[in-house]
């Protein structure tokens, strides 16, 4: 398998340990990116710029995905499925995926059929646009939409939960699973920190309320 699969598996394991043990997330990033070790979760949230959202001009087509950046015949969706499987699927010629099992932490569900899964942008494309991506160029938006350099921007979840979430932020939607809130807030803040995206006032207040009941894990990300 390509190295990205191993990198994402390792980072996902570290993330789980971070939330359980109040430790840090060591995001793998790219070979060229130097890690920026930094703040606690609450400090990272407080450091995000606060700004009103700007939806004008948004079109999902402005974020090209899913691409096959490393030309191995597996596009971004397939790369995430292979990396996040809790039971590895068979990957045939042309990156056809069969078998395997996945865990959707949004709804605490195990899924045995890859076709029942969506690949969710932790911070949705429309939310990214609202929060700063409207000023990015085409290449940066594509990089965001296919971000395999860190374990949390893209995640395999049930189609039902992903479509319920849509483009909502944490003030409007949270995962229904009872124990998902802290991980979700951690990953949301991590992605916004990684990409230097803003939060609006309601979003920041919702995240503050969630984080108050969570382990204050260290947010360690890499620049994309």
N, C-alpha and C. Protein backbone atom coordinates (compact mmCIF):
# COMPACT_ATOMS: atom_id res chain seq x y z
N UNK A 1 0.84 -1.20 0.00
CA UNK A 1 0.00 0.00 0.00
C UNK A 1 0.87 1.25 0.00
N UNK A 2 0.38 2.36 -0.55
CA UNK A 2 1.14 3.59 -0.49
C UNK A 2 1.38 4.02 0.95
N UNK A 3 2.46 4.79 1.16
CA UNK A 3 2.82 5.21 2.51
C UNK A 3 1.71 5.99 3.20
N UNK A 4 0.88 6.71 2.44
CA UNK A 4 -0.16 7.52 3.06
C UNK A 4 -1.10 6.67 3.90
N UNK A 5 -1.30 5.43 3.53
CA UNK A 5 -2.18 4.55 4.31
C UNK A 5 -1.60 4.33 5.71
N UNK A 6 -0.32 4.03 5.75
CA UNK A 6 0.32 3.78 7.05
C UNK A 6 0.36 5.06 7.88
N UNK A 7 0.64 6.20 7.23
CA UNK A 7 0.69 7.47 7.94
C UNK A 7 -0.66 7.79 8.59
N UNK A 8 -1.74 7.62 7.84
CA UNK A 8 -3.06 7.95 8.37
C UNK A 8 -3.43 7.00 9.49
N UNK A 9 -3.13 5.69 9.35
CA UNK A 9 -3.43 4.74 10.43
C UNK A 9 -2.71 5.13 11.71
N UNK A 10 -1.42 5.47 11.58
CA UNK A 10 -0.64 5.83 12.75
C UNK A 10 -1.20 7.08 13.42
N UNK A 11 -1.55 8.07 12.63
CA UNK A 11 -2.07 9.31 13.19
C UNK A 11 -3.42 9.12 13.84
N UNK A 12 -4.26 8.29 13.25
CA UNK A 12 -5.57 8.02 13.85
C UNK A 12 -5.40 7.35 15.20
N UNK A 13 -4.44 6.43 15.30
CA UNK A 13 -4.17 5.78 16.58
C UNK A 13 -3.67 6.76 17.62
N UNK A 14 -2.82 7.68 17.21
CA UNK A 14 -2.32 8.71 18.13
C UNK A 14 -3.45 9.61 18.58
N UNK A 15 -4.35 9.95 17.66
CA UNK A 15 -5.49 10.80 18.01
C UNK A 15 -6.34 10.16 19.09
N UNK A 16 -6.64 8.88 18.93
CA UNK A 16 -7.45 8.20 19.95
C UNK A 16 -6.75 8.23 21.30
N UNK A 17 -5.45 7.99 21.29
CA UNK A 17 -4.69 8.02 22.54
C UNK A 17 -4.70 9.41 23.16
N UNK A 18 -4.65 10.43 22.30
CA UNK A 18 -4.64 11.80 22.80
C UNK A 18 -5.90 12.11 23.58
N UNK A 19 -7.03 11.71 23.06
CA UNK A 19 -8.28 12.04 23.71
C UNK A 19 -8.51 11.21 24.97
N UNK A 20 -8.02 9.99 24.97
CA UNK A 20 -8.21 9.13 26.13
C UNK A 20 -7.23 9.47 27.24
N UNK A 21 -6.02 9.90 26.85
CA UNK A 21 -4.98 10.13 27.85
C UNK A 21 -4.63 11.60 28.04
N UNK A 22 -5.42 12.49 27.42
CA UNK A 22 -5.15 13.92 27.46
C UNK A 22 -3.74 14.22 26.98
N UNK A 23 -3.36 13.54 25.88
CA UNK A 23 -2.04 13.76 25.29
C UNK A 23 -2.21 14.56 24.01
N UNK A 24 -1.16 14.60 23.17
CA UNK A 24 -1.21 15.43 21.98
C UNK A 24 -1.44 14.63 20.73
N UNK A 25 -1.89 15.32 19.71
CA UNK A 25 -2.05 14.74 18.38
C UNK A 25 -0.81 15.04 17.58
N UNK A 26 -0.10 14.02 17.16
CA UNK A 26 1.07 14.21 16.32
C UNK A 26 0.68 13.94 14.88
N UNK A 27 0.30 14.99 14.17
CA UNK A 27 -0.15 14.84 12.80
C UNK A 27 1.03 14.61 11.88
N UNK A 28 0.92 13.71 10.92
CA UNK A 28 2.07 13.36 10.10
C UNK A 28 2.44 14.40 9.07
N UNK A 29 1.47 15.09 8.51
CA UNK A 29 1.75 16.09 7.51
C UNK A 29 2.39 15.51 6.27
N UNK A 30 3.10 16.33 5.52
CA UNK A 30 3.80 15.89 4.33
C UNK A 30 5.28 15.81 4.64
N UNK A 31 6.04 15.24 3.72
CA UNK A 31 7.47 15.09 3.95
C UNK A 31 8.16 16.44 4.09
N UNK A 32 7.59 17.46 3.43
CA UNK A 32 8.22 18.77 3.46
C UNK A 32 7.77 19.63 4.64
N UNK A 33 6.68 19.27 5.29
CA UNK A 33 6.09 20.15 6.30
C UNK A 33 6.71 19.89 7.67
N UNK A 34 7.11 20.96 8.33
CA UNK A 34 7.66 20.84 9.68
C UNK A 34 6.54 21.02 10.69
N UNK A 35 6.44 20.13 11.71
CA UNK A 35 5.36 20.24 12.66
C UNK A 35 5.44 21.51 13.51
N UNK A 36 4.29 22.03 13.81
CA UNK A 36 4.19 23.15 14.72
C UNK A 36 3.51 22.65 15.99
N UNK A 37 4.32 22.47 17.05
CA UNK A 37 3.77 21.96 18.30
C UNK A 37 3.23 23.13 19.09
N UNK A 38 2.02 22.99 19.53
CA UNK A 38 1.46 24.20 20.09
C UNK A 38 0.51 24.03 21.25
N UNK A 39 -0.64 24.63 21.13
CA UNK A 39 -1.49 24.92 22.28
C UNK A 39 -2.38 23.77 22.71
N UNK A 40 -2.98 23.95 23.86
CA UNK A 40 -4.03 23.04 24.27
C UNK A 40 -5.25 23.29 23.39
N UNK A 41 -6.21 22.40 23.50
CA UNK A 41 -7.41 22.52 22.67
C UNK A 41 -8.12 23.86 22.92
N UNK A 42 -8.30 24.23 24.16
CA UNK A 42 -8.98 25.49 24.46
C UNK A 42 -8.18 26.68 23.97
N UNK A 43 -6.86 26.61 24.08
CA UNK A 43 -6.01 27.69 23.58
C UNK A 43 -6.06 27.78 22.06
N UNK A 44 -6.09 26.62 21.40
CA UNK A 44 -6.16 26.60 19.94
C UNK A 44 -7.46 27.22 19.46
N UNK A 45 -8.56 26.91 20.14
CA UNK A 45 -9.84 27.52 19.78
C UNK A 45 -9.78 29.03 19.97
N UNK A 46 -9.24 29.47 21.10
CA UNK A 46 -9.17 30.90 21.38
C UNK A 46 -8.29 31.64 20.37
N UNK A 47 -7.33 30.94 19.77
CA UNK A 47 -6.41 31.57 18.82
C UNK A 47 -6.99 31.70 17.42
N UNK A 48 -8.08 30.99 17.14
CA UNK A 48 -8.67 31.09 15.80
C UNK A 48 -9.27 32.47 15.59
N UNK A 49 -9.11 33.02 14.37
CA UNK A 49 -9.75 34.31 14.11
C UNK A 49 -11.26 34.18 14.16
N UNK A 50 -11.92 35.20 14.65
CA UNK A 50 -13.38 35.23 14.71
C UNK A 50 -13.88 36.20 13.64
N UNK A 51 -14.75 35.70 12.77
CA UNK A 51 -15.24 36.54 11.68
C UNK A 51 -16.61 36.05 11.24
N UNK A 52 -17.39 36.95 10.69
CA UNK A 52 -18.67 36.56 10.12
C UNK A 52 -18.44 35.68 8.89
N UNK A 53 -19.35 34.76 8.66
CA UNK A 53 -19.23 33.87 7.51
C UNK A 53 -19.57 34.61 6.22
N UNK A 54 -18.91 34.16 5.13
CA UNK A 54 -19.18 34.73 3.82
C UNK A 54 -19.50 33.61 2.84
N UNK A 55 -20.76 33.44 2.49
CA UNK A 55 -21.19 32.37 1.60
C UNK A 55 -21.26 32.83 0.13
N UNK A 56 -21.26 34.11 -0.12
CA UNK A 56 -21.42 34.62 -1.47
C UNK A 56 -20.39 34.00 -2.43
N UNK A 57 -20.86 33.50 -3.56
CA UNK A 57 -19.97 32.95 -4.58
C UNK A 57 -19.65 31.49 -4.42
N UNK A 58 -20.14 30.86 -3.35
CA UNK A 58 -19.78 29.46 -3.11
C UNK A 58 -20.40 28.53 -4.15
N UNK A 59 -19.58 27.59 -4.60
CA UNK A 59 -20.01 26.50 -5.46
C UNK A 59 -19.13 25.30 -5.11
N UNK A 60 -19.76 24.17 -4.84
CA UNK A 60 -18.99 22.98 -4.45
C UNK A 60 -17.97 22.60 -5.52
N UNK A 61 -18.30 22.90 -6.77
CA UNK A 61 -17.38 22.58 -7.87
C UNK A 61 -16.08 23.36 -7.82
N UNK A 62 -16.00 24.40 -7.00
CA UNK A 62 -14.76 25.15 -6.85
C UNK A 62 -13.71 24.38 -6.06
N UNK A 63 -14.12 23.29 -5.39
CA UNK A 63 -13.21 22.42 -4.64
C UNK A 63 -13.11 21.09 -5.38
N UNK A 64 -12.17 20.93 -6.26
CA UNK A 64 -12.08 19.71 -7.07
C UNK A 64 -11.71 18.50 -6.20
N UNK A 65 -12.51 17.47 -6.24
CA UNK A 65 -12.26 16.23 -5.53
C UNK A 65 -13.08 15.13 -6.23
N UNK A 66 -12.86 13.88 -6.07
CA UNK A 66 -11.70 13.27 -5.45
C UNK A 66 -10.62 13.04 -6.51
N UNK A 67 -9.38 13.42 -6.25
CA UNK A 67 -8.31 13.30 -7.23
C UNK A 67 -7.41 12.11 -6.86
N UNK A 68 -6.63 11.68 -7.83
CA UNK A 68 -5.62 10.63 -7.61
C UNK A 68 -4.25 11.30 -7.69
N UNK A 69 -3.88 11.96 -6.63
CA UNK A 69 -2.69 12.81 -6.65
C UNK A 69 -1.41 12.02 -6.89
N UNK A 70 -1.29 10.83 -6.30
CA UNK A 70 -0.05 10.07 -6.46
C UNK A 70 -0.10 9.08 -7.63
N UNK A 71 -1.18 9.14 -8.42
CA UNK A 71 -1.31 8.35 -9.65
C UNK A 71 -1.18 6.85 -9.41
N UNK A 72 -1.72 6.37 -8.28
CA UNK A 72 -1.67 4.94 -7.99
C UNK A 72 -3.00 4.25 -8.30
N UNK A 73 -3.91 4.97 -8.97
CA UNK A 73 -5.23 4.49 -9.37
C UNK A 73 -6.23 4.49 -8.22
N UNK A 74 -5.80 4.92 -7.04
CA UNK A 74 -6.72 5.07 -5.91
C UNK A 74 -6.94 6.57 -5.68
N UNK A 75 -8.19 7.03 -5.84
CA UNK A 75 -8.44 8.45 -5.61
C UNK A 75 -8.55 8.73 -4.11
N UNK A 76 -8.81 9.97 -3.76
CA UNK A 76 -8.81 10.36 -2.35
C UNK A 76 -9.81 9.56 -1.54
N UNK A 77 -10.99 9.35 -2.09
CA UNK A 77 -12.00 8.56 -1.37
C UNK A 77 -11.46 7.17 -1.05
N UNK A 78 -10.87 6.52 -2.03
CA UNK A 78 -10.35 5.17 -1.82
C UNK A 78 -9.19 5.17 -0.82
N UNK A 79 -8.33 6.17 -0.90
CA UNK A 79 -7.20 6.25 0.03
C UNK A 79 -7.70 6.31 1.48
N UNK A 80 -8.75 7.10 1.71
CA UNK A 80 -9.29 7.22 3.07
C UNK A 80 -9.92 5.90 3.51
N UNK A 81 -10.67 5.26 2.63
CA UNK A 81 -11.29 3.98 2.97
C UNK A 81 -10.23 2.94 3.33
N UNK A 82 -9.17 2.87 2.55
CA UNK A 82 -8.12 1.89 2.82
C UNK A 82 -7.42 2.20 4.14
N UNK A 83 -7.12 3.47 4.37
CA UNK A 83 -6.40 3.86 5.57
C UNK A 83 -7.21 3.66 6.84
N UNK A 84 -8.53 3.90 6.78
CA UNK A 84 -9.33 3.92 8.00
C UNK A 84 -10.04 2.61 8.29
N UNK A 85 -9.87 1.62 7.44
CA UNK A 85 -10.53 0.34 7.68
C UNK A 85 -10.05 -0.29 8.98
N UNK A 86 -10.96 -0.75 9.81
CA UNK A 86 -10.58 -1.49 11.02
C UNK A 86 -10.34 -2.96 10.70
N UNK A 87 -10.90 -3.42 9.60
CA UNK A 87 -10.56 -4.71 9.00
C UNK A 87 -10.25 -4.43 7.54
N UNK A 88 -9.04 -4.72 7.11
CA UNK A 88 -8.58 -4.28 5.79
C UNK A 88 -9.40 -4.91 4.67
N UNK A 89 -9.79 -4.10 3.69
CA UNK A 89 -10.48 -4.65 2.53
C UNK A 89 -9.49 -5.22 1.53
N UNK A 90 -9.99 -5.96 0.57
CA UNK A 90 -9.19 -6.38 -0.57
C UNK A 90 -9.19 -5.24 -1.58
N UNK A 91 -8.03 -4.94 -2.13
CA UNK A 91 -7.91 -3.87 -3.12
C UNK A 91 -7.39 -4.48 -4.41
N UNK A 92 -8.27 -4.56 -5.39
CA UNK A 92 -7.95 -5.20 -6.66
C UNK A 92 -7.40 -4.17 -7.65
N UNK A 93 -6.99 -4.66 -8.81
CA UNK A 93 -6.48 -3.79 -9.86
C UNK A 93 -7.50 -2.69 -10.17
N UNK A 94 -6.99 -1.49 -10.35
CA UNK A 94 -7.88 -0.36 -10.57
C UNK A 94 -8.45 0.21 -9.29
N UNK A 95 -7.96 -0.26 -8.14
CA UNK A 95 -8.38 0.19 -6.81
C UNK A 95 -9.85 -0.14 -6.53
N UNK A 96 -10.28 -1.30 -6.98
CA UNK A 96 -11.61 -1.78 -6.62
C UNK A 96 -11.55 -2.37 -5.21
N UNK A 97 -12.39 -1.86 -4.31
CA UNK A 97 -12.36 -2.24 -2.90
C UNK A 97 -13.52 -3.18 -2.59
N UNK A 98 -13.19 -4.33 -2.02
CA UNK A 98 -14.21 -5.29 -1.58
C UNK A 98 -13.90 -5.76 -0.18
N UNK A 99 -14.96 -6.14 0.55
CA UNK A 99 -14.77 -6.59 1.93
C UNK A 99 -14.37 -5.43 2.81
N UNK A 100 -13.82 -5.77 3.98
CA UNK A 100 -13.38 -4.76 4.92
C UNK A 100 -14.48 -4.34 5.89
N UNK A 101 -14.06 -3.60 6.91
CA UNK A 101 -15.00 -3.06 7.90
C UNK A 101 -14.47 -1.71 8.37
N UNK A 102 -15.42 -0.80 8.67
CA UNK A 102 -15.09 0.56 9.09
C UNK A 102 -15.91 0.92 10.33
N UNK A 103 -15.36 1.87 11.09
CA UNK A 103 -16.06 2.38 12.27
C UNK A 103 -16.41 3.83 12.04
N UNK A 104 -17.69 4.16 12.11
CA UNK A 104 -18.17 5.53 11.97
C UNK A 104 -18.39 6.10 13.37
N UNK A 105 -17.48 6.95 13.82
CA UNK A 105 -17.59 7.44 15.20
C UNK A 105 -18.74 8.42 15.37
N UNK A 106 -19.23 9.00 14.30
CA UNK A 106 -20.37 9.91 14.42
C UNK A 106 -21.57 9.24 15.07
N UNK A 107 -21.81 7.99 14.64
CA UNK A 107 -23.00 7.28 15.14
C UNK A 107 -22.66 5.95 15.81
N UNK A 108 -21.37 5.76 16.16
CA UNK A 108 -20.93 4.56 16.89
C UNK A 108 -21.40 3.30 16.17
N UNK A 109 -21.06 3.21 14.89
CA UNK A 109 -21.55 2.10 14.07
C UNK A 109 -20.41 1.48 13.28
N UNK A 110 -20.45 0.14 13.18
CA UNK A 110 -19.52 -0.59 12.33
C UNK A 110 -20.20 -0.89 11.00
N UNK A 111 -19.48 -0.65 9.91
CA UNK A 111 -20.03 -0.77 8.57
C UNK A 111 -19.19 -1.76 7.78
N UNK A 112 -19.86 -2.71 7.12
CA UNK A 112 -19.17 -3.75 6.36
C UNK A 112 -19.20 -3.53 4.85
N UNK A 113 -19.82 -2.46 4.41
CA UNK A 113 -19.94 -2.20 2.98
C UNK A 113 -19.44 -0.80 2.69
N UNK A 114 -18.35 -0.70 1.93
CA UNK A 114 -17.77 0.61 1.64
C UNK A 114 -18.76 1.54 0.93
N UNK A 115 -19.70 0.97 0.19
CA UNK A 115 -20.67 1.80 -0.53
C UNK A 115 -21.64 2.49 0.41
N UNK A 116 -21.70 2.03 1.66
CA UNK A 116 -22.58 2.67 2.65
C UNK A 116 -21.90 3.82 3.38
N UNK A 117 -20.67 4.11 2.99
CA UNK A 117 -19.89 5.14 3.65
C UNK A 117 -19.74 6.38 2.77
N UNK A 118 -19.75 7.53 3.39
CA UNK A 118 -19.34 8.77 2.76
C UNK A 118 -17.97 9.15 3.32
N UNK A 119 -17.19 9.86 2.54
CA UNK A 119 -15.98 10.49 3.06
C UNK A 119 -16.34 11.94 3.38
N UNK A 120 -16.36 12.24 4.66
CA UNK A 120 -16.77 13.55 5.13
C UNK A 120 -15.57 14.47 5.26
N UNK A 121 -15.73 15.71 4.83
CA UNK A 121 -14.77 16.75 5.18
C UNK A 121 -15.14 17.20 6.60
N UNK A 122 -14.23 16.97 7.54
CA UNK A 122 -14.54 17.32 8.93
C UNK A 122 -15.08 18.74 9.01
N UNK A 123 -14.39 19.68 8.41
CA UNK A 123 -14.94 21.02 8.21
C UNK A 123 -15.45 21.06 6.77
N UNK A 124 -16.76 21.08 6.57
CA UNK A 124 -17.32 20.94 5.22
C UNK A 124 -16.80 22.01 4.26
N UNK A 125 -16.88 21.69 2.97
CA UNK A 125 -16.37 22.60 1.95
C UNK A 125 -17.05 23.96 2.03
N UNK A 126 -18.37 23.97 2.20
CA UNK A 126 -19.08 25.25 2.29
C UNK A 126 -18.66 26.02 3.54
N UNK A 127 -18.46 25.32 4.64
CA UNK A 127 -18.00 25.97 5.87
C UNK A 127 -16.60 26.53 5.70
N UNK A 128 -15.73 25.78 5.00
CA UNK A 128 -14.38 26.27 4.73
C UNK A 128 -14.44 27.54 3.89
N UNK A 129 -15.31 27.53 2.87
CA UNK A 129 -15.49 28.72 2.04
C UNK A 129 -15.91 29.90 2.89
N UNK A 130 -16.92 29.68 3.72
CA UNK A 130 -17.44 30.74 4.60
C UNK A 130 -16.36 31.30 5.50
N UNK A 131 -15.39 30.45 5.87
CA UNK A 131 -14.44 30.77 6.94
C UNK A 131 -13.08 31.23 6.42
N UNK A 132 -12.96 31.40 5.11
CA UNK A 132 -11.69 31.90 4.58
C UNK A 132 -11.31 31.37 3.22
N UNK A 133 -11.82 30.21 2.83
CA UNK A 133 -11.42 29.60 1.56
C UNK A 133 -11.92 30.37 0.34
N UNK A 134 -12.87 31.30 0.55
CA UNK A 134 -13.32 32.13 -0.56
C UNK A 134 -12.19 32.98 -1.14
N UNK A 135 -11.13 33.19 -0.37
CA UNK A 135 -10.01 34.00 -0.84
C UNK A 135 -8.85 33.15 -1.38
N UNK A 136 -8.99 31.81 -1.34
CA UNK A 136 -7.93 30.93 -1.81
C UNK A 136 -7.95 30.81 -3.33
N UNK A 137 -6.82 30.35 -3.88
CA UNK A 137 -6.78 30.05 -5.30
C UNK A 137 -7.24 28.61 -5.54
N UNK A 138 -7.37 28.24 -6.79
CA UNK A 138 -7.89 26.94 -7.19
C UNK A 138 -7.06 25.79 -6.61
N UNK A 139 -5.74 25.94 -6.65
CA UNK A 139 -4.86 24.87 -6.18
C UNK A 139 -5.02 24.63 -4.68
N UNK A 140 -5.15 25.70 -3.92
CA UNK A 140 -5.29 25.53 -2.46
C UNK A 140 -6.62 24.91 -2.12
N UNK A 141 -7.69 25.28 -2.83
CA UNK A 141 -8.99 24.66 -2.57
C UNK A 141 -8.96 23.17 -2.90
N UNK A 142 -8.28 22.80 -3.98
CA UNK A 142 -8.16 21.38 -4.31
C UNK A 142 -7.36 20.65 -3.24
N UNK A 143 -6.29 21.26 -2.76
CA UNK A 143 -5.49 20.64 -1.70
C UNK A 143 -6.33 20.42 -0.44
N UNK A 144 -7.16 21.40 -0.11
CA UNK A 144 -8.03 21.26 1.06
C UNK A 144 -9.03 20.11 0.86
N UNK A 145 -9.63 20.04 -0.29
CA UNK A 145 -10.67 19.05 -0.56
C UNK A 145 -10.13 17.64 -0.59
N UNK A 146 -8.82 17.47 -0.74
CA UNK A 146 -8.19 16.15 -0.85
C UNK A 146 -7.07 16.00 0.16
N UNK A 147 -7.24 16.56 1.34
CA UNK A 147 -6.16 16.65 2.33
C UNK A 147 -5.88 15.30 3.00
N UNK A 148 -4.86 14.61 2.48
CA UNK A 148 -4.43 13.35 3.06
C UNK A 148 -3.18 13.51 3.92
N UNK A 149 -2.73 14.74 4.09
CA UNK A 149 -1.50 14.97 4.84
C UNK A 149 -1.69 14.95 6.35
N UNK A 150 -2.92 14.81 6.81
CA UNK A 150 -3.22 14.77 8.23
C UNK A 150 -4.38 13.79 8.41
N UNK A 151 -4.49 13.21 9.57
CA UNK A 151 -5.48 12.14 9.78
C UNK A 151 -6.91 12.63 9.93
N UNK A 152 -7.12 13.91 10.23
CA UNK A 152 -8.47 14.31 10.63
C UNK A 152 -9.30 15.09 9.60
N UNK A 153 -8.73 15.74 8.58
CA UNK A 153 -9.60 16.51 7.68
C UNK A 153 -10.63 15.69 6.92
N UNK A 154 -10.31 14.43 6.61
CA UNK A 154 -11.22 13.54 5.89
C UNK A 154 -11.47 12.30 6.72
N UNK A 155 -12.73 11.86 6.76
CA UNK A 155 -13.07 10.73 7.61
C UNK A 155 -14.20 9.92 7.00
N UNK A 156 -14.10 8.61 7.12
CA UNK A 156 -15.15 7.72 6.61
C UNK A 156 -16.24 7.58 7.68
N UNK A 157 -17.47 7.94 7.28
CA UNK A 157 -18.62 7.86 8.21
C UNK A 157 -19.83 7.35 7.44
N UNK A 158 -20.86 6.98 8.16
CA UNK A 158 -22.07 6.52 7.48
C UNK A 158 -22.65 7.64 6.63
N UNK A 159 -23.21 7.25 5.50
CA UNK A 159 -23.85 8.23 4.62
C UNK A 159 -24.96 8.97 5.34
N UNK A 160 -25.68 8.25 6.19
CA UNK A 160 -26.79 8.87 6.92
C UNK A 160 -26.30 10.00 7.81
N UNK A 161 -25.24 9.77 8.56
CA UNK A 161 -24.75 10.80 9.47
C UNK A 161 -24.14 11.97 8.70
N UNK A 162 -23.42 11.66 7.63
CA UNK A 162 -22.81 12.73 6.85
C UNK A 162 -23.85 13.63 6.22
N UNK A 163 -24.92 13.06 5.73
CA UNK A 163 -25.94 13.86 5.07
C UNK A 163 -26.81 14.62 6.08
N UNK A 164 -26.89 14.09 7.29
CA UNK A 164 -27.54 14.85 8.36
C UNK A 164 -26.70 16.07 8.74
N UNK A 165 -25.42 15.90 8.77
CA UNK A 165 -24.50 17.00 9.08
C UNK A 165 -24.51 18.05 7.98
N UNK A 166 -24.45 17.62 6.72
CA UNK A 166 -24.42 18.53 5.57
C UNK A 166 -23.28 19.54 5.74
N UNK A 167 -23.58 20.83 5.66
CA UNK A 167 -22.53 21.85 5.79
C UNK A 167 -22.63 22.60 7.12
N UNK A 168 -23.24 21.97 8.11
CA UNK A 168 -23.46 22.63 9.40
C UNK A 168 -22.20 22.67 10.25
N UNK A 169 -22.08 23.71 11.07
CA UNK A 169 -20.97 23.79 12.02
C UNK A 169 -21.44 23.29 13.39
N UNK A 170 -20.56 23.21 14.39
CA UNK A 170 -20.95 22.62 15.68
C UNK A 170 -22.04 23.38 16.44
N UNK A 171 -22.35 24.60 16.06
CA UNK A 171 -23.48 25.29 16.67
C UNK A 171 -24.80 24.77 16.15
N UNK A 172 -24.74 24.07 15.00
CA UNK A 172 -25.96 23.61 14.33
C UNK A 172 -26.10 22.09 14.31
N UNK A 173 -24.98 21.38 14.45
CA UNK A 173 -25.01 19.91 14.37
C UNK A 173 -23.84 19.34 15.13
N UNK A 174 -24.13 18.25 15.87
CA UNK A 174 -23.08 17.46 16.51
C UNK A 174 -23.39 15.99 16.26
N UNK A 175 -22.37 15.13 16.26
CA UNK A 175 -22.62 13.71 16.05
C UNK A 175 -23.60 13.15 17.08
N UNK A 176 -24.48 12.24 16.66
CA UNK A 176 -25.46 11.71 17.60
C UNK A 176 -24.90 10.74 18.62
N UNK A 177 -23.73 10.14 18.36
CA UNK A 177 -23.16 9.18 19.30
C UNK A 177 -22.82 9.87 20.62
N UNK A 178 -23.13 9.22 21.71
CA UNK A 178 -23.01 9.82 23.04
C UNK A 178 -21.60 10.27 23.36
N UNK A 179 -20.59 9.49 22.95
CA UNK A 179 -19.22 9.78 23.32
C UNK A 179 -18.41 10.46 22.21
N UNK A 180 -19.08 11.01 21.21
CA UNK A 180 -18.37 11.55 20.04
C UNK A 180 -18.00 13.03 20.17
N UNK A 181 -18.59 13.74 21.12
CA UNK A 181 -18.49 15.20 21.13
C UNK A 181 -17.05 15.70 21.28
N UNK A 182 -16.30 15.13 22.20
CA UNK A 182 -14.93 15.64 22.43
C UNK A 182 -14.04 15.39 21.22
N UNK A 183 -14.12 14.21 20.67
CA UNK A 183 -13.31 13.93 19.48
C UNK A 183 -13.71 14.85 18.34
N UNK A 184 -15.00 15.07 18.17
CA UNK A 184 -15.47 15.91 17.08
C UNK A 184 -14.97 17.34 17.25
N UNK A 185 -15.07 17.88 18.44
CA UNK A 185 -14.59 19.24 18.69
C UNK A 185 -13.09 19.33 18.48
N UNK A 186 -12.37 18.33 18.94
CA UNK A 186 -10.92 18.31 18.78
C UNK A 186 -10.55 18.32 17.30
N UNK A 187 -11.19 17.47 16.50
CA UNK A 187 -10.85 17.38 15.09
C UNK A 187 -11.27 18.64 14.34
N UNK A 188 -12.41 19.20 14.70
CA UNK A 188 -12.88 20.43 14.05
C UNK A 188 -11.88 21.56 14.28
N UNK A 189 -11.48 21.76 15.52
CA UNK A 189 -10.53 22.82 15.85
C UNK A 189 -9.17 22.54 15.20
N UNK A 190 -8.77 21.28 15.15
CA UNK A 190 -7.50 20.93 14.53
C UNK A 190 -7.47 21.30 13.05
N UNK A 191 -8.57 21.00 12.34
CA UNK A 191 -8.63 21.33 10.91
C UNK A 191 -8.64 22.84 10.70
N UNK A 192 -9.41 23.55 11.51
CA UNK A 192 -9.45 25.01 11.36
C UNK A 192 -8.08 25.62 11.68
N UNK A 193 -7.37 25.04 12.64
CA UNK A 193 -6.03 25.51 12.96
C UNK A 193 -5.07 25.21 11.81
N UNK A 194 -5.13 24.00 11.29
CA UNK A 194 -4.23 23.57 10.21
C UNK A 194 -4.35 24.49 8.99
N UNK A 195 -5.59 24.87 8.67
CA UNK A 195 -5.83 25.67 7.47
C UNK A 195 -6.08 27.14 7.76
N UNK A 196 -5.90 27.56 9.00
CA UNK A 196 -6.06 28.96 9.40
C UNK A 196 -7.41 29.51 8.98
N UNK A 197 -8.45 28.77 9.33
CA UNK A 197 -9.81 29.18 9.03
C UNK A 197 -10.43 29.86 10.25
N UNK A 198 -11.35 30.77 9.99
CA UNK A 198 -12.01 31.51 11.06
C UNK A 198 -13.17 30.73 11.66
N UNK A 199 -13.64 31.18 12.79
CA UNK A 199 -14.89 30.70 13.39
C UNK A 199 -15.82 31.89 13.55
N UNK A 200 -17.13 31.64 13.44
CA UNK A 200 -18.06 32.72 13.76
C UNK A 200 -18.39 32.65 15.26
N UNK A 201 -19.08 33.65 15.75
CA UNK A 201 -19.32 33.76 17.19
C UNK A 201 -20.11 32.59 17.75
N UNK A 202 -21.20 32.20 17.07
CA UNK A 202 -22.02 31.09 17.56
C UNK A 202 -21.23 29.78 17.56
N UNK A 203 -20.44 29.57 16.53
CA UNK A 203 -19.60 28.37 16.43
C UNK A 203 -18.59 28.32 17.57
N UNK A 204 -17.92 29.45 17.81
CA UNK A 204 -16.92 29.50 18.88
C UNK A 204 -17.55 29.23 20.24
N UNK A 205 -18.72 29.80 20.47
CA UNK A 205 -19.39 29.60 21.76
C UNK A 205 -19.83 28.14 21.94
N UNK A 206 -20.31 27.52 20.86
CA UNK A 206 -20.71 26.11 20.94
C UNK A 206 -19.50 25.24 21.24
N UNK A 207 -18.39 25.50 20.56
CA UNK A 207 -17.17 24.72 20.79
C UNK A 207 -16.64 24.92 22.21
N UNK A 208 -16.68 26.13 22.71
CA UNK A 208 -16.25 26.39 24.09
C UNK A 208 -17.05 25.57 25.08
N UNK A 209 -18.36 25.50 24.87
CA UNK A 209 -19.22 24.74 25.78
C UNK A 209 -18.90 23.25 25.74
N UNK A 210 -18.64 22.74 24.55
CA UNK A 210 -18.29 21.32 24.41
C UNK A 210 -16.95 21.03 25.07
N UNK A 211 -15.96 21.85 24.75
CA UNK A 211 -14.60 21.64 25.23
C UNK A 211 -14.50 21.72 26.75
N UNK A 212 -15.39 22.47 27.37
CA UNK A 212 -15.36 22.60 28.83
C UNK A 212 -15.49 21.26 29.53
N UNK A 213 -16.10 20.28 28.88
CA UNK A 213 -16.29 18.96 29.47
C UNK A 213 -15.33 17.92 28.89
N UNK A 214 -14.30 18.37 28.16
CA UNK A 214 -13.38 17.44 27.48
C UNK A 214 -11.98 17.51 28.07
N UNK A 215 -11.20 16.44 27.91
CA UNK A 215 -9.78 16.53 28.22
C UNK A 215 -9.14 17.61 27.37
N UNK A 216 -8.28 18.42 27.94
CA UNK A 216 -7.68 19.53 27.19
C UNK A 216 -6.43 19.06 26.48
N UNK A 217 -6.61 18.21 25.48
CA UNK A 217 -5.49 17.64 24.73
C UNK A 217 -4.74 18.71 23.96
N UNK A 218 -3.47 18.44 23.68
CA UNK A 218 -2.64 19.36 22.92
C UNK A 218 -2.93 19.21 21.44
N UNK A 219 -3.09 20.33 20.76
CA UNK A 219 -3.32 20.35 19.31
C UNK A 219 -1.97 20.57 18.63
N UNK A 220 -1.50 19.54 17.96
CA UNK A 220 -0.25 19.62 17.23
C UNK A 220 -0.54 19.33 15.77
N UNK A 221 -0.38 20.31 14.92
CA UNK A 221 -0.70 20.16 13.52
C UNK A 221 0.49 20.56 12.66
N UNK A 222 0.39 20.29 11.36
CA UNK A 222 1.39 20.73 10.43
C UNK A 222 0.73 21.69 9.45
N UNK A 223 1.50 22.62 8.92
CA UNK A 223 0.99 23.47 7.87
C UNK A 223 0.77 22.62 6.63
N UNK A 224 -0.34 22.81 5.90
CA UNK A 224 -0.59 21.99 4.71
C UNK A 224 0.34 22.36 3.57
